All heavy atoms as atom14 arrays in JSON, in Angstrom:
{
  "sequence": "IYVQDIAEQMLLAGVDRYAPEVEAAGVTLHFSVSDAMNLPFVGQF",
  "atom14_mask": [
    [1, 1, 1, 1, 1, 1, 1, 1, 0, 0, 0, 0, 0, 0],
    [1, 1, 1, 1, 1, 1, 1, 1, 1, 1, 1, 1, 0, 0],
    [1, 1, 1, 1, 1, 1, 1, 0, 0, 0, 0, 0, 0, 0],
    [1, 1, 1, 1, 1, 1, 1, 1, 1, 0, 0, 0, 0, 0],
    [1, 1, 1, 1, 1, 1, 1, 1, 0, 0, 0, 0, 0, 0],
    [1, 1, 1, 1, 1, 1, 1, 1, 0, 0, 0, 0, 0, 0],
    [1, 1, 1, 1, 1, 0, 0, 0, 0, 0, 0, 0, 0, 0],
    [1, 1, 1, 1, 1, 1, 1, 1, 1, 0, 0, 0, 0, 0],
    [1, 1, 1, 1, 1, 1, 1, 1, 1, 0, 0, 0, 0, 0],
    [1, 1, 1, 1, 1, 1, 1, 1, 0, 0, 0, 0, 0, 0],
    [1, 1, 1, 1, 1, 1, 1, 1, 0, 0, 0, 0, 0, 0],
    [1, 1, 1, 1, 1, 1, 1, 1, 0, 0, 0, 0, 0, 0],
    [1, 1, 1, 1, 1, 0, 0, 0, 0, 0, 0, 0, 0, 0],
    [1, 1, 1, 1, 0, 0, 0, 0, 0, 0, 0, 0, 0, 0],
    [1, 1, 1, 1, 1, 1, 1, 0, 0, 0, 0, 0, 0, 0],
    [1, 1, 1, 1, 1, 1, 1, 1, 0, 0, 0, 0, 0, 0],
    [1, 1, 1, 1, 1, 1, 1, 1, 1, 1, 1, 0, 0, 0],
    [1, 1, 1, 1, 1, 1, 1, 1, 1, 1, 1, 1, 0, 0],
    [1, 1, 1, 1, 1, 0, 0, 0, 0, 0, 0, 0, 0, 0],
    [1, 1, 1, 1, 1, 1, 1, 0, 0, 0, 0, 0, 0, 0],
    [1, 1, 1, 1, 1, 1, 1, 1, 1, 0, 0, 0, 0, 0],
    [1, 1, 1, 1, 1, 1, 1, 0, 0, 0, 0, 0, 0, 0],
    [1, 1, 1, 1, 1, 1, 1, 1, 1, 0, 0, 0, 0, 0],
    [1, 1, 1, 1, 1, 0, 0, 0, 0, 0, 0, 0, 0, 0],
    [1, 1, 1, 1, 1, 0, 0, 0, 0, 0, 0, 0, 0, 0],
    [1, 1, 1, 1, 0, 0, 0, 0, 0, 0, 0, 0, 0, 0],
    [1, 1, 1, 1, 1, 1, 1, 0, 0, 0, 0, 0, 0, 0],
    [1, 1, 1, 1, 1, 1, 1, 0, 0, 0, 0, 0, 0, 0],
    [1, 1, 1, 1, 1, 1, 1, 1, 0, 0, 0, 0, 0, 0],
    [1, 1, 1, 1, 1, 1, 1, 1, 1, 1, 0, 0, 0, 0],
    [1, 1, 1, 1, 1, 1, 1, 1, 1, 1, 1, 0, 0, 0],
    [1, 1, 1, 1, 1, 1, 0, 0, 0, 0, 0, 0, 0, 0],
    [1, 1, 1, 1, 1, 1, 1, 0, 0, 0, 0, 0, 0, 0],
    [1, 1, 1, 1, 1, 1, 0, 0, 0, 0, 0, 0, 0, 0],
    [1, 1, 1, 1, 1, 1, 1, 1, 0, 0, 0, 0, 0, 0],
    [1, 1, 1, 1, 1, 0, 0, 0, 0, 0, 0, 0, 0, 0],
    [1, 1, 1, 1, 1, 1, 1, 1, 0, 0, 0, 0, 0, 0],
    [1, 1, 1, 1, 1, 1, 1, 1, 0, 0, 0, 0, 0, 0],
    [1, 1, 1, 1, 1, 1, 1, 1, 0, 0, 0, 0, 0, 0],
    [1, 1, 1, 1, 1, 1, 1, 0, 0, 0, 0, 0, 0, 0],
    [1, 1, 1, 1, 1, 1, 1, 1, 1, 1, 1, 0, 0, 0],
    [1, 1, 1, 1, 1, 1, 1, 0, 0, 0, 0, 0, 0, 0],
    [1, 1, 1, 1, 0, 0, 0, 0, 0, 0, 0, 0, 0, 0],
    [1, 1, 1, 1, 1, 1, 1, 1, 1, 0, 0, 0, 0, 0],
    [1, 1, 1, 1, 1, 1, 1, 1, 1, 1, 1, 0, 0, 0]
  ],
  "atom14_positions": [
    [[9.97, 2.56, 10.39], [9.08, 2.71, 11.54], [8.06, 3.77, 11.21], [8.42, 4.89, 10.82], [9.84, 3.11, 12.81], [10.97, 2.12, 13.11], [8.88, 3.18, 13.99], [11.86, 2.54, 14.27], [0.0, 0.0, 0.0], [0.0, 0.0, 0.0], [0.0, 0.0, 0.0], [0.0, 0.0, 0.0], [0.0, 0.0, 0.0], [0.0, 0.0, 0.0]],
    [[6.79, 3.43, 11.34], [5.69, 4.37, 11.14], [5.2, 4.79, 12.52], [4.79, 3.96, 13.32], [4.58, 3.72, 10.34], [4.98, 3.49, 8.89], [5.84, 2.46, 8.54], [4.51, 4.34, 7.88], [6.22, 2.25, 7.23], [4.89, 4.14, 6.56], [5.75, 3.09, 6.24], [6.13, 2.91, 4.94], [0.0, 0.0, 0.0], [0.0, 0.0, 0.0]],
    [[5.26, 6.09, 12.77], [5.04, 6.63, 14.1], [3.73, 7.41, 14.11], [3.57, 8.37, 13.37], [6.2, 7.56, 14.52], [6.11, 7.9, 16.0], [7.55, 6.92, 14.19], [0.0, 0.0, 0.0], [0.0, 0.0, 0.0], [0.0, 0.0, 0.0], [0.0, 0.0, 0.0], [0.0, 0.0, 0.0], [0.0, 0.0, 0.0], [0.0, 0.0, 0.0]],
    [[2.78, 7.0, 14.96], [1.43, 7.58, 14.95], [1.05, 8.09, 16.32], [1.32, 7.46, 17.34], [0.42, 6.5, 14.48], [-1.02, 6.9, 14.48], [-1.71, 6.82, 15.86], [-1.3, 6.04, 16.71], [-2.71, 7.65, 16.09], [0.0, 0.0, 0.0], [0.0, 0.0, 0.0], [0.0, 0.0, 0.0], [0.0, 0.0, 0.0], [0.0, 0.0, 0.0]],
    [[0.38, 9.24, 16.34], [-0.27, 9.74, 17.55], [-1.3, 10.77, 17.13], [-1.11, 11.45, 16.12], [0.73, 10.36, 18.53], [0.21, 10.35, 19.97], [-0.77, 11.07, 20.23], [0.77, 9.61, 20.79], [0.0, 0.0, 0.0], [0.0, 0.0, 0.0], [0.0, 0.0, 0.0], [0.0, 0.0, 0.0], [0.0, 0.0, 0.0], [0.0, 0.0, 0.0]],
    [[-2.37, 10.87, 17.9], [-3.42, 11.85, 17.58], [-3.13, 13.22, 18.2], [-3.73, 14.22, 17.82], [-4.8, 11.33, 18.01], [-5.91, 12.08, 17.27], [-4.96, 11.4, 19.53], [-7.28, 11.44, 17.38], [0.0, 0.0, 0.0], [0.0, 0.0, 0.0], [0.0, 0.0, 0.0], [0.0, 0.0, 0.0], [0.0, 0.0, 0.0], [0.0, 0.0, 0.0]],
    [[-2.18, 13.26, 19.14], [-1.79, 14.52, 19.77], [-0.63, 15.12, 18.97], [0.51, 14.66, 19.07], [-1.39, 14.3, 21.22], [0.0, 0.0, 0.0], [0.0, 0.0, 0.0], [0.0, 0.0, 0.0], [0.0, 0.0, 0.0], [0.0, 0.0, 0.0], [0.0, 0.0, 0.0], [0.0, 0.0, 0.0], [0.0, 0.0, 0.0], [0.0, 0.0, 0.0]],
    [[-0.92, 16.14, 18.19], [0.08, 16.72, 17.3], [1.28, 17.26, 18.07], [2.43, 17.07, 17.65], [-0.56, 17.83, 16.47], [0.38, 18.48, 15.48], [-0.31, 19.51, 14.6], [-1.54, 19.68, 14.72], [0.39, 20.16, 13.8], [0.0, 0.0, 0.0], [0.0, 0.0, 0.0], [0.0, 0.0, 0.0], [0.0, 0.0, 0.0], [0.0, 0.0, 0.0]],
    [[1.03, 17.91, 19.19], [2.12, 18.51, 19.95], [3.12, 17.45, 20.41], [4.34, 17.66, 20.34], [1.56, 19.26, 21.16], [0.71, 20.46, 20.82], [-0.75, 20.11, 20.56], [-1.09, 18.94, 20.35], [-1.62, 21.1, 20.6], [0.0, 0.0, 0.0], [0.0, 0.0, 0.0], [0.0, 0.0, 0.0], [0.0, 0.0, 0.0], [0.0, 0.0, 0.0]],
    [[2.62, 16.31, 20.88], [3.49, 15.24, 21.33], [4.27, 14.64, 20.16], [5.48, 14.44, 20.24], [2.66, 14.14, 22.01], [2.12, 14.52, 23.38], [3.39, 14.56, 24.66], [3.65, 12.81, 24.94], [0.0, 0.0, 0.0], [0.0, 0.0, 0.0], [0.0, 0.0, 0.0], [0.0, 0.0, 0.0], [0.0, 0.0, 0.0], [0.0, 0.0, 0.0]],
    [[3.58, 14.36, 19.08], [4.22, 13.71, 17.94], [5.33, 14.58, 17.36], [6.42, 14.09, 17.05], [3.19, 13.39, 16.87], [3.77, 12.51, 15.75], [3.68, 11.04, 16.14], [3.05, 12.74, 14.44], [0.0, 0.0, 0.0], [0.0, 0.0, 0.0], [0.0, 0.0, 0.0], [0.0, 0.0, 0.0], [0.0, 0.0, 0.0], [0.0, 0.0, 0.0]],
    [[5.07, 15.87, 17.2], [6.08, 16.75, 16.62], [7.29, 16.88, 17.53], [8.42, 17.07, 17.05], [5.47, 18.11, 16.31], [4.37, 18.1, 15.24], [3.89, 19.51, 14.96], [4.84, 17.43, 13.95], [0.0, 0.0, 0.0], [0.0, 0.0, 0.0], [0.0, 0.0, 0.0], [0.0, 0.0, 0.0], [0.0, 0.0, 0.0], [0.0, 0.0, 0.0]],
    [[7.08, 16.76, 18.83], [8.23, 16.73, 19.75], [9.08, 15.5, 19.48], [10.31, 15.56, 19.52], [7.75, 16.73, 21.2], [0.0, 0.0, 0.0], [0.0, 0.0, 0.0], [0.0, 0.0, 0.0], [0.0, 0.0, 0.0], [0.0, 0.0, 0.0], [0.0, 0.0, 0.0], [0.0, 0.0, 0.0], [0.0, 0.0, 0.0], [0.0, 0.0, 0.0]],
    [[8.43, 14.38, 19.16], [9.16, 13.16, 18.83], [9.97, 13.3, 17.55], [11.08, 12.76, 17.44], [0.0, 0.0, 0.0], [0.0, 0.0, 0.0], [0.0, 0.0, 0.0], [0.0, 0.0, 0.0], [0.0, 0.0, 0.0], [0.0, 0.0, 0.0], [0.0, 0.0, 0.0], [0.0, 0.0, 0.0], [0.0, 0.0, 0.0], [0.0, 0.0, 0.0]],
    [[9.42, 14.03, 16.59], [10.17, 14.28, 15.35], [11.46, 15.02, 15.67], [12.55, 14.63, 15.22], [9.32, 15.11, 14.36], [10.14, 15.47, 13.12], [8.05, 14.36, 13.96], [0.0, 0.0, 0.0], [0.0, 0.0, 0.0], [0.0, 0.0, 0.0], [0.0, 0.0, 0.0], [0.0, 0.0, 0.0], [0.0, 0.0, 0.0], [0.0, 0.0, 0.0]],
    [[11.36, 16.07, 16.45], [12.53, 16.87, 16.79], [13.55, 16.08, 17.61], [14.76, 16.2, 17.41], [12.11, 18.11, 17.59], [11.3, 19.09, 16.75], [11.41, 19.04, 15.51], [10.55, 19.89, 17.35], [0.0, 0.0, 0.0], [0.0, 0.0, 0.0], [0.0, 0.0, 0.0], [0.0, 0.0, 0.0], [0.0, 0.0, 0.0], [0.0, 0.0, 0.0]],
    [[13.04, 15.26, 18.52], [13.94, 14.56, 19.44], [14.68, 13.38, 18.8], [15.85, 13.14, 19.09], [13.16, 14.04, 20.65], [12.67, 15.12, 21.59], [11.91, 14.49, 22.76], [11.47, 15.48, 23.74], [10.91, 15.19, 24.89], [10.71, 13.93, 25.23], [10.54, 16.15, 25.72], [0.0, 0.0, 0.0], [0.0, 0.0, 0.0], [0.0, 0.0, 0.0]],
    [[13.97, 12.62, 17.97], [14.53, 11.33, 17.57], [14.77, 11.12, 16.08], [15.52, 10.22, 15.71], [13.61, 10.2, 18.07], [13.54, 10.14, 19.56], [12.39, 10.53, 20.25], [14.63, 9.71, 20.31], [12.33, 10.48, 21.64], [14.57, 9.65, 21.7], [13.42, 10.04, 22.36], [13.36, 9.98, 23.73], [0.0, 0.0, 0.0], [0.0, 0.0, 0.0]],
    [[14.16, 11.91, 15.2], [14.32, 11.67, 13.76], [15.78, 11.68, 13.33], [16.23, 10.76, 12.63], [13.49, 12.67, 12.97], [0.0, 0.0, 0.0], [0.0, 0.0, 0.0], [0.0, 0.0, 0.0], [0.0, 0.0, 0.0], [0.0, 0.0, 0.0], [0.0, 0.0, 0.0], [0.0, 0.0, 0.0], [0.0, 0.0, 0.0], [0.0, 0.0, 0.0]],
    [[16.58, 12.67, 13.68], [17.98, 12.67, 13.22], [18.75, 11.45, 13.7], [19.47, 10.81, 12.92], [18.54, 13.97, 13.82], [17.35, 14.84, 14.04], [16.25, 13.9, 14.43], [0.0, 0.0, 0.0], [0.0, 0.0, 0.0], [0.0, 0.0, 0.0], [0.0, 0.0, 0.0], [0.0, 0.0, 0.0], [0.0, 0.0, 0.0], [0.0, 0.0, 0.0]],
    [[18.6, 11.1, 14.99], [19.34, 9.98, 15.56], [18.95, 8.65, 14.92], [19.82, 7.85, 14.53], [19.05, 9.92, 17.07], [19.57, 8.67, 17.76], [19.05, 8.54, 19.19], [18.47, 9.51, 19.72], [19.2, 7.45, 19.75], [0.0, 0.0, 0.0], [0.0, 0.0, 0.0], [0.0, 0.0, 0.0], [0.0, 0.0, 0.0], [0.0, 0.0, 0.0]],
    [[17.65, 8.41, 14.77], [17.19, 7.13, 14.23], [17.53, 6.99, 12.76], [17.99, 5.94, 12.3], [15.66, 6.98, 14.46], [15.12, 5.77, 13.7], [15.37, 6.85, 15.95], [0.0, 0.0, 0.0], [0.0, 0.0, 0.0], [0.0, 0.0, 0.0], [0.0, 0.0, 0.0], [0.0, 0.0, 0.0], [0.0, 0.0, 0.0], [0.0, 0.0, 0.0]],
    [[17.32, 8.04, 11.99], [17.59, 7.95, 10.56], [19.08, 7.86, 10.28], [19.5, 7.24, 9.31], [16.94, 9.13, 9.84], [15.41, 9.04, 9.93], [14.7, 10.05, 9.05], [15.3, 11.11, 8.75], [13.56, 9.76, 8.67], [0.0, 0.0, 0.0], [0.0, 0.0, 0.0], [0.0, 0.0, 0.0], [0.0, 0.0, 0.0], [0.0, 0.0, 0.0]],
    [[19.9, 8.43, 11.15], [21.35, 8.29, 11.01], [21.78, 6.85, 11.22], [22.82, 6.41, 10.7], [22.07, 9.2, 12.02], [0.0, 0.0, 0.0], [0.0, 0.0, 0.0], [0.0, 0.0, 0.0], [0.0, 0.0, 0.0], [0.0, 0.0, 0.0], [0.0, 0.0, 0.0], [0.0, 0.0, 0.0], [0.0, 0.0, 0.0], [0.0, 0.0, 0.0]],
    [[20.95, 6.08, 11.95], [21.26, 4.67, 12.19], [20.79, 3.77, 11.05], [20.93, 2.55, 11.12], [20.62, 4.22, 13.5], [0.0, 0.0, 0.0], [0.0, 0.0, 0.0], [0.0, 0.0, 0.0], [0.0, 0.0, 0.0], [0.0, 0.0, 0.0], [0.0, 0.0, 0.0], [0.0, 0.0, 0.0], [0.0, 0.0, 0.0], [0.0, 0.0, 0.0]],
    [[20.21, 4.38, 10.01], [19.82, 3.6, 8.83], [18.37, 3.2, 8.78], [17.94, 2.5, 7.86], [0.0, 0.0, 0.0], [0.0, 0.0, 0.0], [0.0, 0.0, 0.0], [0.0, 0.0, 0.0], [0.0, 0.0, 0.0], [0.0, 0.0, 0.0], [0.0, 0.0, 0.0], [0.0, 0.0, 0.0], [0.0, 0.0, 0.0], [0.0, 0.0, 0.0]],
    [[17.55, 3.64, 9.73], [16.12, 3.28, 9.78], [15.3, 4.48, 9.32], [15.53, 5.61, 9.76], [15.71, 2.86, 11.19], [14.2, 2.64, 11.28], [16.45, 1.59, 11.6], [0.0, 0.0, 0.0], [0.0, 0.0, 0.0], [0.0, 0.0, 0.0], [0.0, 0.0, 0.0], [0.0, 0.0, 0.0], [0.0, 0.0, 0.0], [0.0, 0.0, 0.0]],
    [[14.35, 4.25, 8.43], [13.49, 5.31, 7.91], [12.3, 5.51, 8.82], [11.65, 4.55, 9.25], [12.99, 4.96, 6.5], [14.13, 4.75, 5.65], [12.14, 6.08, 5.92], [0.0, 0.0, 0.0], [0.0, 0.0, 0.0], [0.0, 0.0, 0.0], [0.0, 0.0, 0.0], [0.0, 0.0, 0.0], [0.0, 0.0, 0.0], [0.0, 0.0, 0.0]],
    [[12.0, 6.78, 9.12], [10.85, 7.12, 9.96], [9.77, 7.8, 9.14], [10.06, 8.62, 8.27], [11.28, 8.06, 11.09], [12.15, 7.48, 12.21], [12.55, 8.59, 13.17], [11.42, 6.37, 12.95], [0.0, 0.0, 0.0], [0.0, 0.0, 0.0], [0.0, 0.0, 0.0], [0.0, 0.0, 0.0], [0.0, 0.0, 0.0], [0.0, 0.0, 0.0]],
    [[8.51, 7.46, 9.43], [7.35, 8.12, 8.84], [6.42, 8.52, 9.99], [5.93, 7.66, 10.71], [6.6, 7.18, 7.89], [7.45, 6.58, 6.82], [7.75, 7.22, 5.66], [8.07, 5.37, 6.77], [8.52, 6.44, 4.9], [8.72, 5.3, 5.56], [0.0, 0.0, 0.0], [0.0, 0.0, 0.0], [0.0, 0.0, 0.0], [0.0, 0.0, 0.0]],
    [[6.19, 9.81, 10.16], [5.33, 10.3, 11.23], [3.98, 10.7, 10.65], [3.9, 11.26, 9.55], [5.95, 11.52, 11.9], [7.19, 11.23, 12.71], [8.44, 11.2, 12.11], [7.1, 10.97, 14.07], [9.58, 10.94, 12.86], [8.24, 10.71, 14.83], [9.48, 10.7, 14.22], [0.0, 0.0, 0.0], [0.0, 0.0, 0.0], [0.0, 0.0, 0.0]],
    [[2.91, 10.44, 11.4], [1.58, 10.93, 11.01], [0.77, 11.28, 12.24], [0.81, 10.55, 13.25], [0.83, 9.89, 10.16], [0.4, 8.8, 10.94], [0.0, 0.0, 0.0], [0.0, 0.0, 0.0], [0.0, 0.0, 0.0], [0.0, 0.0, 0.0], [0.0, 0.0, 0.0], [0.0, 0.0, 0.0], [0.0, 0.0, 0.0], [0.0, 0.0, 0.0]],
    [[0.07, 12.4, 12.16], [-0.92, 12.75, 13.18], [-2.22, 12.1, 12.72], [-2.79, 12.48, 11.7], [-1.09, 14.28, 13.31], [-2.09, 14.62, 14.4], [0.26, 14.94, 13.58], [0.0, 0.0, 0.0], [0.0, 0.0, 0.0], [0.0, 0.0, 0.0], [0.0, 0.0, 0.0], [0.0, 0.0, 0.0], [0.0, 0.0, 0.0], [0.0, 0.0, 0.0]],
    [[-2.64, 11.08, 13.44], [-3.77, 10.28, 12.95], [-4.46, 9.59, 14.11], [-4.0, 9.63, 15.25], [-3.28, 9.25, 11.93], [-2.23, 8.46, 12.47], [0.0, 0.0, 0.0], [0.0, 0.0, 0.0], [0.0, 0.0, 0.0], [0.0, 0.0, 0.0], [0.0, 0.0, 0.0], [0.0, 0.0, 0.0], [0.0, 0.0, 0.0], [0.0, 0.0, 0.0]],
    [[-5.56, 8.95, 13.8], [-6.39, 8.27, 14.79], [-6.04, 6.79, 14.81], [-6.19, 6.11, 13.79], [-7.87, 8.49, 14.43], [-8.83, 7.95, 15.48], [-8.37, 7.27, 16.41], [-10.04, 8.21, 15.35], [0.0, 0.0, 0.0], [0.0, 0.0, 0.0], [0.0, 0.0, 0.0], [0.0, 0.0, 0.0], [0.0, 0.0, 0.0], [0.0, 0.0, 0.0]],
    [[-5.61, 6.28, 15.94], [-5.25, 4.87, 16.05], [-6.44, 3.95, 15.83], [-6.27, 2.76, 15.57], [-4.63, 4.59, 17.41], [0.0, 0.0, 0.0], [0.0, 0.0, 0.0], [0.0, 0.0, 0.0], [0.0, 0.0, 0.0], [0.0, 0.0, 0.0], [0.0, 0.0, 0.0], [0.0, 0.0, 0.0], [0.0, 0.0, 0.0], [0.0, 0.0, 0.0]],
    [[-7.66, 4.49, 15.92], [-8.86, 3.68, 15.68], [-9.33, 3.76, 14.23], [-10.33, 3.16, 13.87], [-9.97, 4.15, 16.63], [-9.65, 3.91, 18.1], [-10.9, 4.58, 19.21], [-10.66, 6.34, 18.94], [0.0, 0.0, 0.0], [0.0, 0.0, 0.0], [0.0, 0.0, 0.0], [0.0, 0.0, 0.0], [0.0, 0.0, 0.0], [0.0, 0.0, 0.0]],
    [[-8.56, 4.48, 13.4], [-8.87, 4.59, 11.97], [-7.57, 4.86, 11.23], [-7.34, 5.95, 10.71], [-9.89, 5.71, 11.73], [-10.36, 5.76, 10.29], [-10.39, 4.75, 9.59], [-10.73, 6.94, 9.82], [0.0, 0.0, 0.0], [0.0, 0.0, 0.0], [0.0, 0.0, 0.0], [0.0, 0.0, 0.0], [0.0, 0.0, 0.0], [0.0, 0.0, 0.0]],
    [[-6.71, 3.86, 11.18], [-5.37, 4.03, 10.65], [-5.36, 4.2, 9.12], [-6.12, 3.52, 8.42], [-4.51, 2.82, 11.02], [-4.23, 2.65, 12.52], [-3.61, 1.29, 12.8], [-3.31, 3.77, 13.02], [0.0, 0.0, 0.0], [0.0, 0.0, 0.0], [0.0, 0.0, 0.0], [0.0, 0.0, 0.0], [0.0, 0.0, 0.0], [0.0, 0.0, 0.0]],
    [[-4.48, 5.05, 8.61], [-4.42, 5.31, 7.17], [-3.5, 4.33, 6.41], [-2.58, 4.74, 5.7], [-3.87, 6.74, 7.11], [-2.96, 6.82, 8.28], [-3.6, 5.99, 9.36], [0.0, 0.0, 0.0], [0.0, 0.0, 0.0], [0.0, 0.0, 0.0], [0.0, 0.0, 0.0], [0.0, 0.0, 0.0], [0.0, 0.0, 0.0], [0.0, 0.0, 0.0]],
    [[-3.75, 3.04, 6.59], [-2.92, 2.02, 5.96], [-3.78, 0.88, 5.45], [-4.8, 0.54, 6.07], [-1.9, 1.45, 6.95], [-1.03, 2.49, 7.62], [-1.24, 2.83, 8.94], [-0.02, 3.11, 6.92], [-0.47, 3.78, 9.57], [0.78, 4.07, 7.53], [0.55, 4.41, 8.85], [0.0, 0.0, 0.0], [0.0, 0.0, 0.0], [0.0, 0.0, 0.0]],
    [[-3.34, 0.27, 4.37], [-4.03, -0.92, 3.87], [-3.77, -2.08, 4.83], [-2.86, -2.04, 5.66], [-3.52, -1.3, 2.46], [-3.84, -0.19, 1.46], [-2.02, -1.59, 2.47], [0.0, 0.0, 0.0], [0.0, 0.0, 0.0], [0.0, 0.0, 0.0], [0.0, 0.0, 0.0], [0.0, 0.0, 0.0], [0.0, 0.0, 0.0], [0.0, 0.0, 0.0]],
    [[-4.57, -3.12, 4.71], [-4.42, -4.27, 5.58], [-3.12, -5.02, 5.35], [-2.58, -5.04, 4.25], [0.0, 0.0, 0.0], [0.0, 0.0, 0.0], [0.0, 0.0, 0.0], [0.0, 0.0, 0.0], [0.0, 0.0, 0.0], [0.0, 0.0, 0.0], [0.0, 0.0, 0.0], [0.0, 0.0, 0.0], [0.0, 0.0, 0.0], [0.0, 0.0, 0.0]],
    [[-2.6, -5.6, 6.42], [-1.4, -6.44, 6.41], [-0.19, -5.72, 5.82], [0.65, -6.31, 5.13], [-1.67, -7.75, 5.65], [-2.78, -8.57, 6.26], [-2.81, -10.01, 5.81], [-1.76, -10.62, 5.61], [-3.99, -10.56, 5.67], [0.0, 0.0, 0.0], [0.0, 0.0, 0.0], [0.0, 0.0, 0.0], [0.0, 0.0, 0.0], [0.0, 0.0, 0.0]],
    [[-0.08, -4.44, 6.11], [1.02, -3.62, 5.58], [2.28, -3.75, 6.42], [3.39, -3.61, 5.92], [0.56, -2.16, 5.55], [1.56, -1.2, 4.96], [1.83, -1.2, 3.61], [2.21, -0.3, 5.78], [2.75, -0.32, 3.07], [3.13, 0.6, 5.25], [3.4, 0.59, 3.9], [0.0, 0.0, 0.0], [0.0, 0.0, 0.0], [0.0, 0.0, 0.0]]
  ]
}
């Protein structure tokens, strides 16, 4: 799961709240503070 938000304060709260629980369930998380209108990913990723 790639997790994006432009509000750093909100996103980092999500890291603290959910990263341990989700990754313990076997799912990898990637967080980025970024612009949803200019995503840092190649097409069809």
